[in-house]
Protein backbone atom coordinates (compact mmCIF):
# COMPACT_ATOMS: atom_id res chain seq x y z
CA MET A 1 -6.31 3.68 29.41
CA LYS A 2 -8.52 5.41 32.21
CA LEU A 3 -11.39 4.32 32.19
CA THR A 4 -14.92 5.58 33.94
CA ASP A 5 -16.72 3.54 36.46
CA GLU A 6 -19.68 2.98 33.70
CA GLU A 7 -16.68 1.46 31.73
CA ARG A 8 -15.10 -0.88 34.16
CA SER A 9 -18.65 -1.96 35.28
CA ASN A 10 -19.20 -3.08 31.60
CA LEU A 11 -15.81 -4.83 31.65
CA ASP A 12 -17.09 -6.64 34.65
CA GLY A 13 -19.98 -7.71 32.91
CA THR A 14 -22.55 -5.56 34.69
CA GLY A 15 -24.47 -4.65 31.20
CA GLY A 16 -24.18 -8.19 29.69
CA GLU A 17 -21.84 -10.54 27.89
CA PRO A 18 -22.06 -8.62 24.46
CA LEU A 19 -20.90 -5.04 26.30
CA ARG A 20 -18.23 -6.85 28.23
CA ILE A 21 -16.94 -8.44 24.65
CA ALA A 22 -17.07 -5.38 22.81
CA THR A 23 -15.55 -2.96 25.56
CA GLN A 24 -12.78 -5.50 26.22
CA VAL A 25 -11.74 -5.56 22.48
CA LEU A 26 -11.72 -1.55 22.88
CA VAL A 27 -10.04 -1.38 25.65
CA LYS A 28 -7.54 -3.59 23.89
CA LEU A 29 -7.17 -1.92 20.85
CA GLY A 30 -7.07 1.43 22.36
CA ASP A 31 -4.05 -0.12 24.64
CA SER A 32 -2.19 -0.91 22.21
CA TYR A 33 -1.93 2.31 20.85
CA ASP A 34 -1.41 4.10 23.84
CA ALA A 35 -5.05 5.53 23.75
CA GLU A 36 -5.73 7.55 27.01
CA ARG A 37 -9.64 6.84 27.07
CA LEU A 38 -12.71 5.79 25.18
CA VAL A 39 -14.57 8.38 23.44
CA PRO A 40 -18.71 8.35 23.11
CA ILE A 41 -19.27 8.28 18.95
CA ALA A 42 -22.62 9.87 17.30
CA SER A 43 -22.98 7.07 14.94
CA ALA A 44 -21.09 3.46 13.57
CA HIS A 45 -20.86 2.25 10.57
CA LEU A 46 -20.52 -1.91 9.78
CA VAL A 47 -18.88 -3.71 7.02
CA ALA A 48 -18.87 -7.57 8.22
CA CYS A 49 -22.38 -7.62 6.96
CA SER A 50 -21.99 -9.46 3.50
CA TYR A 51 -22.44 -13.04 3.25
CA GLN A 52 -19.02 -12.84 0.95
CA ILE A 53 -17.05 -11.28 4.11
CA ALA A 54 -18.89 -12.61 7.36
CA GLY A 55 -19.25 -15.89 5.92
CA GLU A 56 -20.70 -18.71 8.21
CA ALA A 57 -18.48 -18.10 11.08
CA GLY A 58 -19.99 -14.56 11.04
CA ILE A 59 -23.49 -15.93 11.11
CA ASP A 60 -22.06 -17.76 13.99
CA VAL A 61 -20.78 -14.75 15.80
CA TYR A 62 -24.35 -12.88 15.17
CA ALA A 63 -26.38 -15.17 16.57
CA ARG A 64 -24.43 -16.04 19.82
CA LEU A 65 -24.64 -11.98 20.12
CA VAL A 66 -28.49 -11.81 19.60
CA GLU A 67 -29.22 -14.92 21.76
CA ALA A 68 -27.28 -12.68 24.37
CA GLY A 69 -29.70 -9.92 23.84
CA ALA A 70 -27.19 -7.35 22.00
CA ARG A 71 -28.15 -3.94 20.54
CA VAL A 72 -26.37 -1.48 19.34
CA ARG A 73 -26.19 1.72 21.58
CA VAL A 74 -25.72 4.24 18.61
CA PRO A 75 -27.75 4.55 15.26
CA THR A 76 -25.94 2.01 13.22
CA THR A 77 -25.86 1.60 9.04
CA LEU A 78 -24.83 -1.20 6.89
CA ASP A 79 -22.34 -1.74 4.15
CA PRO A 80 -23.60 -3.53 1.01
CA GLY A 81 -24.67 -6.65 1.18
CA SER A 82 -24.02 -9.56 -1.14
CA ILE A 83 -27.49 -9.64 -2.86
CA ASP A 84 -29.56 -7.58 -4.24
CA PHE A 85 -32.30 -8.16 -1.39
CA VAL A 86 -35.72 -7.79 -3.77
CA ARG A 87 -33.95 -9.27 -7.45
CA TRP A 88 -31.45 -11.64 -6.22
CA GLU A 89 -33.06 -14.49 -8.70
CA ALA A 90 -32.68 -12.07 -11.57
CA PHE A 91 -28.94 -11.57 -10.97
CA ARG A 92 -28.76 -15.22 -10.54
CA THR A 93 -27.92 -15.67 -7.25
CA PRO A 94 -27.77 -19.35 -5.79
CA ALA A 95 -30.80 -19.70 -3.74
CA HIS A 96 -28.52 -21.16 -0.61
CA TYR A 97 -26.15 -17.91 -0.92
CA ALA A 98 -29.32 -15.50 -0.70
CA GLN A 99 -30.88 -17.54 2.47
CA ARG A 100 -27.31 -17.34 4.05
CA GLN A 101 -27.16 -13.08 3.39
CA LEU A 102 -31.06 -12.84 4.33
CA LYS A 103 -30.04 -14.78 7.88
CA ILE A 104 -27.34 -11.83 8.12
CA ALA A 105 -29.68 -9.19 7.59
CA GLU A 106 -32.64 -11.00 10.23
CA LEU A 107 -29.46 -11.18 13.19
CA LEU A 108 -28.32 -7.41 12.25
CA GLN A 109 -31.74 -6.04 12.70
CA ALA A 110 -32.42 -7.96 15.68
CA MET A 111 -29.28 -6.12 17.08
CA GLY A 112 -31.05 -2.51 15.86
CA VAL A 113 -28.95 -1.75 13.03
CA ILE A 114 -30.29 0.55 10.14
CA PRO A 115 -30.97 -1.51 7.06
CA THR A 116 -29.29 0.62 4.82
CA TRP A 117 -27.30 -1.84 2.91
CA THR A 118 -25.17 1.14 1.25
CA CYS A 119 -21.43 2.17 1.29
CA THR A 120 -22.26 5.80 0.87
CA PRO A 121 -25.00 6.29 4.54
CA TYR A 122 -23.82 9.88 4.27
CA TYR A 123 -26.46 10.48 1.47
CA ALA A 124 -29.38 9.70 4.36
CA LEU A 125 -29.49 8.26 7.62
CA ASN A 126 -26.04 8.43 8.95
CA VAL A 127 -24.66 11.94 8.57
CA PRO A 128 -22.66 13.28 10.79
CA ARG A 129 -21.66 16.85 11.69
CA PHE A 130 -18.46 18.72 11.38
CA GLY A 131 -16.04 17.34 14.60
CA GLN A 132 -17.93 14.37 16.03
CA HIS A 133 -16.42 11.10 16.51
CA VAL A 134 -18.06 8.05 15.02
CA GLY A 135 -16.90 4.45 14.27
CA TRP A 136 -16.83 3.74 10.86
CA SER A 137 -15.80 1.09 8.66
CA GLU A 138 -15.60 0.99 4.73
CA SER A 139 -12.56 2.34 2.82
CA SER A 140 -14.33 4.30 1.11
CA ALA A 141 -16.86 5.74 3.31
CA VAL A 142 -14.15 6.41 5.99
CA ALA A 143 -12.20 8.70 3.78
CA PHE A 144 -15.40 10.33 2.89
CA VAL A 145 -16.82 11.16 6.16
CA ASN A 146 -13.07 12.22 7.91
CA SER A 147 -12.24 14.37 4.53
CA VAL A 148 -15.34 15.74 3.08
CA ILE A 149 -17.56 16.31 6.42
CA GLY A 150 -14.64 16.54 9.11
CA ALA A 151 -15.97 13.85 11.52
CA ARG A 152 -13.75 11.77 12.85
CA THR A 153 -13.22 8.23 12.77
CA ASN A 154 -10.22 5.33 12.15
CA ARG A 155 -10.35 2.84 9.61
CA LEU A 156 -12.09 0.21 12.00
CA ALA A 157 -11.40 -3.39 11.16
CA ALA A 158 -14.28 -5.65 10.41
CA TYR A 159 -16.24 -6.91 14.11
CA VAL A 160 -14.25 -3.79 16.18
CA ASP A 161 -17.14 -1.62 14.17
CA LEU A 162 -19.81 -4.00 15.93
CA CYS A 163 -18.18 -3.53 18.87
CA ALA A 164 -18.17 0.48 18.77
CA ALA A 165 -21.68 0.15 18.04
CA LEU A 166 -22.37 -1.91 21.10
CA ALA A 167 -20.57 -0.18 23.34
CA GLY A 168 -21.33 3.28 21.76
CA LYS A 169 -17.47 4.40 21.99
CA VAL A 170 -14.31 3.97 20.51
CA PRO A 171 -10.32 4.45 21.59
CA TYR A 172 -9.42 8.36 21.27
CA PHE A 173 -6.22 7.36 18.96
CA GLY A 174 -5.01 8.36 15.37
CA LEU A 175 -7.71 10.48 13.35
CA HIS A 176 -9.70 11.37 16.23
CA LEU A 177 -7.08 13.33 18.13
CA PRO A 178 -6.54 16.85 16.20
CA GLU A 179 -3.00 16.73 16.07
CA ASN A 180 -2.77 13.77 13.72
CA ARG A 181 -4.61 14.95 11.21
CA ARG A 182 -2.18 17.20 9.88
CA GLY A 183 -1.61 17.12 5.80
CA GLN A 184 2.21 14.94 5.14
CA VAL A 185 2.36 14.75 1.95
CA LEU A 186 1.21 17.63 -1.12
CA ILE A 187 -0.32 16.43 -4.13
CA ASP A 188 0.69 19.20 -6.51
CA VAL A 189 -2.38 19.52 -9.30
CA ALA A 190 -1.12 21.15 -12.05
CA ALA A 191 -3.29 23.99 -13.41
CA GLN A 192 -4.29 22.72 -16.85
CA VAL A 193 -5.53 19.46 -15.08
CA GLY A 194 -7.21 21.08 -11.59
CA GLU A 195 -9.33 23.73 -13.35
CA ASN A 196 -12.00 21.61 -15.24
CA MET A 197 -11.49 17.89 -13.52
CA ARG A 198 -13.97 15.67 -14.71
CA GLY A 199 -15.50 12.70 -12.58
CA GLU A 200 -13.08 10.00 -14.11
CA ASP A 201 -10.01 12.45 -13.47
CA PHE A 202 -11.18 12.70 -9.61
CA ALA A 203 -10.86 8.55 -9.53
CA ALA A 204 -7.76 8.51 -10.94
CA LEU A 205 -6.33 11.07 -8.78
CA GLY A 206 -7.24 8.83 -6.07
CA TYR A 207 -6.33 6.25 -7.79
CA PHE A 208 -2.65 7.82 -7.97
CA ILE A 209 -2.64 9.12 -4.42
CA GLY A 210 -3.70 5.73 -2.63
CA GLY A 211 -0.72 3.96 -4.63
CA LEU A 212 2.19 6.28 -3.22
CA VAL A 213 1.21 7.55 0.08
CA GLY A 214 -0.20 4.50 1.58
CA ASP A 215 -1.90 5.42 5.03
CA ARG A 216 -0.37 9.28 4.97
CA ILE A 217 -2.04 12.21 4.94
CA PRO A 218 -2.43 14.12 1.30
CA VAL A 219 -3.29 17.45 1.05
CA ILE A 220 -4.15 18.14 -2.46
CA ARG A 221 -3.53 21.77 -3.76
CA GLY A 222 -4.61 22.79 -7.20
CA VAL A 223 -8.13 21.72 -7.67
CA ARG A 224 -10.51 24.81 -8.53
CA ASP A 225 -13.78 23.22 -7.32
CA ALA A 226 -15.36 19.46 -6.73
CA SER A 227 -18.93 18.58 -6.28
CA VAL A 228 -19.89 15.92 -3.73
CA ASP A 229 -20.18 12.75 -6.10
CA GLN A 230 -16.36 13.92 -7.20
CA LEU A 231 -14.92 14.10 -3.77
CA LYS A 232 -16.91 10.63 -3.41
CA PHE A 233 -15.17 9.94 -6.72
CA LEU A 234 -11.82 10.80 -4.64
CA SER A 235 -12.37 9.05 -1.45
CA ALA A 236 -13.02 5.50 -3.44
CA GLY A 237 -9.45 5.75 -5.50
CA ALA A 238 -7.50 6.57 -2.47
CA ALA A 239 -8.91 4.32 -0.27
CA SER A 240 -8.46 1.62 -2.64
CA THR A 241 -5.03 1.37 -3.85
CA GLY A 242 -3.98 2.55 -0.37
CA SER A 243 -5.19 2.98 3.14
CA VAL A 244 -6.15 6.68 2.96
CA ALA A 245 -8.84 7.76 5.34
CA LEU A 246 -8.12 11.00 5.41
CA TYR A 247 -7.26 13.74 2.59
CA HIS A 248 -7.40 17.51 2.77
CA VAL A 249 -8.25 19.38 -0.53
CA VAL A 250 -7.14 22.67 -0.25
CA GLY A 251 -9.99 25.55 -0.38
CA ILE A 252 -12.82 23.07 -0.32
CA THR A 253 -12.58 20.55 2.12
CA PRO A 254 -13.28 22.13 5.84
CA GLU A 255 -9.85 21.52 7.55
CA ALA A 256 -8.13 22.51 4.25
CA ARG A 257 -9.07 26.22 3.66
CA THR A 258 -5.46 27.33 3.23
CA VAL A 259 -2.03 25.08 2.78
CA ASP A 260 -0.98 26.19 6.01
CA GLU A 261 -3.85 25.19 7.64
CA ALA A 262 -4.01 21.74 6.22
CA PHE A 263 -0.28 20.99 7.54
CA GLN A 264 -1.14 22.77 10.73
CA GLY A 265 1.81 25.24 10.28
CA GLY A 266 4.38 22.75 9.36
CA THR A 267 6.05 21.80 6.54
CA TRP A 268 5.22 18.43 4.05
CA GLU A 269 7.26 15.04 4.01
CA ASP A 270 7.02 14.92 0.33
CA VAL A 271 5.56 16.93 -2.70
CA LEU A 272 4.12 14.55 -5.46
CA PRO A 273 3.29 16.62 -9.23
CA PHE A 274 0.35 15.60 -10.68
CA GLY A 275 0.09 16.78 -14.44
CA ARG A 276 -1.78 15.66 -17.59
CA ARG A 277 1.13 13.05 -18.34
CA GLU A 278 0.60 11.75 -14.59
CA LEU A 279 -3.30 11.66 -15.29
CA GLN A 280 -3.04 10.33 -18.33
CA ASP A 281 -0.24 7.29 -17.38
CA THR A 282 -2.64 6.64 -13.91
CA GLN A 283 -5.79 5.87 -16.21
CA ASP A 284 -3.78 3.66 -18.58
CA ARG A 285 -2.75 1.67 -15.64
CA MET A 286 -6.58 1.42 -14.57
CA SER A 287 -7.26 -0.51 -17.45
CA THR A 288 -6.38 -4.22 -18.16
CA PHE A 289 -7.81 -4.24 -21.77
CA ARG A 290 -8.33 -1.30 -24.32
CA ALA A 291 -10.66 -2.37 -26.72
CA GLY A 292 -13.05 -5.43 -27.44
CA LYS A 293 -16.29 -6.77 -27.10
CA VAL A 294 -18.01 -5.28 -23.40
CA ASP A 295 -19.85 -8.00 -21.35
CA VAL A 296 -21.23 -5.67 -18.53
CA VAL A 297 -21.36 -1.76 -17.81
CA GLY A 298 -20.77 -1.19 -14.00
CA LEU A 299 -22.02 2.00 -12.95
CA GLY A 300 -22.74 3.38 -9.47
CA CYS A 301 -19.62 2.50 -7.04
CA PRO A 302 -19.56 3.79 -4.45
CA HIS A 303 -23.41 3.71 -4.98
CA ALA A 304 -24.89 6.13 -7.14
CA SER A 305 -26.72 9.52 -6.01
CA ILE A 306 -29.46 11.12 -7.81
CA ALA A 307 -27.20 13.88 -9.92
CA GLN A 308 -25.31 10.61 -10.92
CA ILE A 309 -28.66 9.10 -12.17
CA GLU A 310 -29.66 12.30 -14.09
CA GLU A 311 -26.31 12.33 -15.97
CA TYR A 312 -26.94 8.59 -17.03
CA LEU A 313 -30.62 9.70 -18.12
CA ARG A 314 -29.35 12.55 -20.17
CA LEU A 315 -26.31 10.38 -21.85
CA LEU A 316 -28.90 7.62 -22.68
CA ALA A 317 -30.71 10.33 -24.82
CA GLY A 318 -33.56 7.66 -25.34
CA ARG A 319 -31.71 5.37 -26.56
CA ARG A 320 -31.33 1.24 -25.62
CA ILE A 321 -28.40 -0.58 -24.23
CA HIS A 322 -26.80 -3.18 -26.79
CA PRO A 323 -28.65 -6.81 -26.58
CA ASN A 324 -25.82 -8.53 -25.91
CA THR A 325 -24.32 -6.22 -23.07
CA GLU A 326 -25.44 -5.21 -19.64
CA LEU A 327 -25.66 -2.26 -18.03
CA TRP A 328 -25.81 -2.51 -13.98
CA VAL A 329 -26.25 0.52 -12.24
CA CYS A 330 -26.04 0.18 -8.30
CA MET A 331 -27.44 2.46 -5.80
CA ASN A 332 -29.13 2.24 -2.00
CA ASP A 333 -32.50 1.66 -1.32
CA VAL A 334 -33.18 5.62 -0.41
CA VAL A 335 -31.83 6.62 -3.86
CA GLU A 336 -33.51 4.10 -5.45
CA GLY A 337 -36.82 5.35 -4.16
CA VAL A 338 -36.58 9.14 -5.01
CA ALA A 339 -35.63 7.73 -8.38
CA ARG A 340 -38.69 5.79 -8.75
CA GLN A 341 -40.62 8.56 -7.62
CA MET A 342 -39.04 10.74 -10.09
CA GLY A 343 -39.78 7.73 -13.29
CA TYR A 344 -36.00 7.85 -13.12
CA ILE A 345 -35.60 3.94 -12.66
CA ASP A 346 -38.68 2.98 -15.29
CA ARG A 347 -36.65 4.99 -18.25
CA LEU A 348 -33.66 3.08 -16.95
CA GLU A 349 -35.25 0.13 -16.95
CA ALA A 350 -36.84 0.89 -20.54
CA ALA A 351 -33.37 1.63 -21.78
CA GLY A 352 -32.26 -2.43 -21.00
CA ALA A 353 -30.65 -0.97 -18.03
CA ARG A 354 -30.40 -3.40 -14.37
CA ILE A 355 -31.00 -1.52 -11.05
CA MET A 356 -29.02 -3.04 -8.47
CA THR A 357 -29.53 -1.81 -4.80
CA GLY A 358 -28.03 -3.22 -1.39
CA THR A 359 -24.71 -4.57 -2.95
CA CYS A 360 -22.67 -4.08 -5.87
CA LEU A 361 -20.75 -6.10 -8.52
CA ASN A 362 -17.91 -6.60 -5.99
CA ASP A 363 -19.86 -7.94 -3.39
CA CYS A 364 -21.94 -10.60 -4.86
CA PRO A 365 -21.77 -13.81 -6.63
CA LEU A 366 -21.34 -13.35 -10.57
CA ASP A 367 -20.04 -16.81 -11.75
CA ALA A 368 -23.31 -17.52 -13.44
CA TRP A 369 -22.81 -14.30 -16.04
CA GLN A 370 -19.44 -15.74 -17.07
CA PHE A 371 -18.07 -11.93 -17.58
CA ARG A 372 -14.89 -11.39 -19.40
CA HIS A 373 -14.79 -7.86 -19.93
CA LEU A 374 -15.97 -5.26 -17.60
CA VAL A 375 -16.25 -1.13 -18.48
CA THR A 376 -16.95 1.55 -15.54
CA ASP A 377 -16.10 4.88 -14.19
CA SER A 378 -15.30 3.81 -10.75
CA ALA A 379 -12.02 3.34 -9.57
CA LYS A 380 -13.14 1.24 -6.82
CA PHE A 381 -14.13 -1.28 -9.56
CA ALA A 382 -11.26 -0.65 -11.56
CA TYR A 383 -9.05 -2.00 -9.02
CA TYR A 384 -10.81 -4.78 -7.42
CA THR A 385 -13.37 -6.21 -10.25
CA PRO A 386 -10.09 -8.06 -12.03
CA THR A 387 -10.37 -10.52 -8.56
CA THR A 388 -13.97 -10.53 -7.46
CA VAL A 389 -15.35 -10.89 -10.78
CA GLY A 390 -12.67 -12.00 -12.59
CA SER A 391 -12.67 -10.23 -15.49
CA ALA A 392 -10.86 -7.83 -17.44
CA CYS A 393 -11.71 -4.07 -17.02
CA HIS A 394 -11.42 -0.94 -18.96
CA PHE A 395 -11.60 1.96 -16.90
CA THR A 396 -13.14 5.63 -18.70
CA GLY A 397 -15.51 8.43 -18.08
CA THR A 398 -19.28 8.69 -17.48
CA ALA A 399 -20.32 9.39 -21.15
CA GLN A 400 -17.95 6.95 -22.59
CA CYS A 401 -19.44 3.86 -20.21
CA ILE A 402 -22.72 4.80 -21.74
CA GLU A 403 -21.90 4.55 -25.07
CA ALA A 404 -19.90 1.34 -24.73
CA SER A 405 -23.09 -0.02 -23.38
CA ILE A 406 -25.04 1.03 -26.50
CA ARG A 407 -22.57 0.18 -28.76
CA GLY A 408 -21.36 -3.01 -27.39
CA TYR A 409 -17.90 -2.66 -27.33
CA VAL A 410 -15.58 -0.24 -26.41
CA GLY A 411 -12.46 1.33 -28.46
CA GLU A 412 -12.11 1.95 -32.25
CA GLY A 413 -12.07 -0.70 -35.26
CA HIS A 414 -14.48 -3.17 -33.74
CA ASP A 415 -16.78 -5.06 -35.98
CA GLU A 416 -19.91 -5.82 -34.21
């Protein structure tokens, strides 16, 4: 790699040991991918900030860095932690576990990070512009920021993201290069599906795509329109079942005004049709139980927006959650603060819902709850909760999720 004088000085330790280590890691990563240089980044987003991911080894690493004077050089936000920092006791989190997560928070904040604790940093406090280079991890956030915003990042591994934050740079390879952002696989959405897609359809489309394209770049043709939240569902689904870090939706995302632009004048390697049969088959595969009693309904993965919270309240229509069922709504602190000012949090809690901020069902210990049956509208929850929570999962639309939380069961023919 071609390094600047400053970067060589950093490798020599002139800027301190944390910066030396960070630069060394980034240079080795760049060398392994034949990167020509390091490129400055506008921001970073870290994934190894939950105790579930970092563990005691992470605490040791962070403590040593803080002791050596480590400070991030660019605005740096945090993925969800492993506790709700305000309500951890109400969520039956073991006290020792909570204290270890609080220790991670203390150490990361000592390095100057912004304590967002969210998988949707692009809602507030970390919103890159089109074309900016960033150093992000968190699979769904990477897919969103690359695809919907048009910023540039590879899908960084845990701790490599921290090195990027400490150095303020990343190696210039992969999705940072314009030519590597061209589409590779055409996803042909049938007209009867693409004309009026709901949130759960975008989640299923992402789930379908990720399982088939791996880390290749899909170009989706045939979707008439999409909201920011629907693209968020698509990002999460594709990044969960596969390693999709960038997709293009023709006529919607910024690098795909046309099919030709999305493929940069080239052609596609494969064509994958997505019609009613593929949609239904995918949604069926996303569920591991069809009907029965519901222990918990999980909404807000990725973290819910104000628009989603308004939808939950509209669907609840003043009704209460079933006494034997939990409804957990996950969001970040910024959204919760605004929703509280608007009176939405009081209304959700009056209905019997639990608000969970700074974490989600995938990231916190839930053994004490003994959940066996979860219902969700999230492709990411559908993919991960059978292993992270240990519960069977029923995937469905948001409206059906709310109905399940009120009835206490899902499916037909169930006796209360």
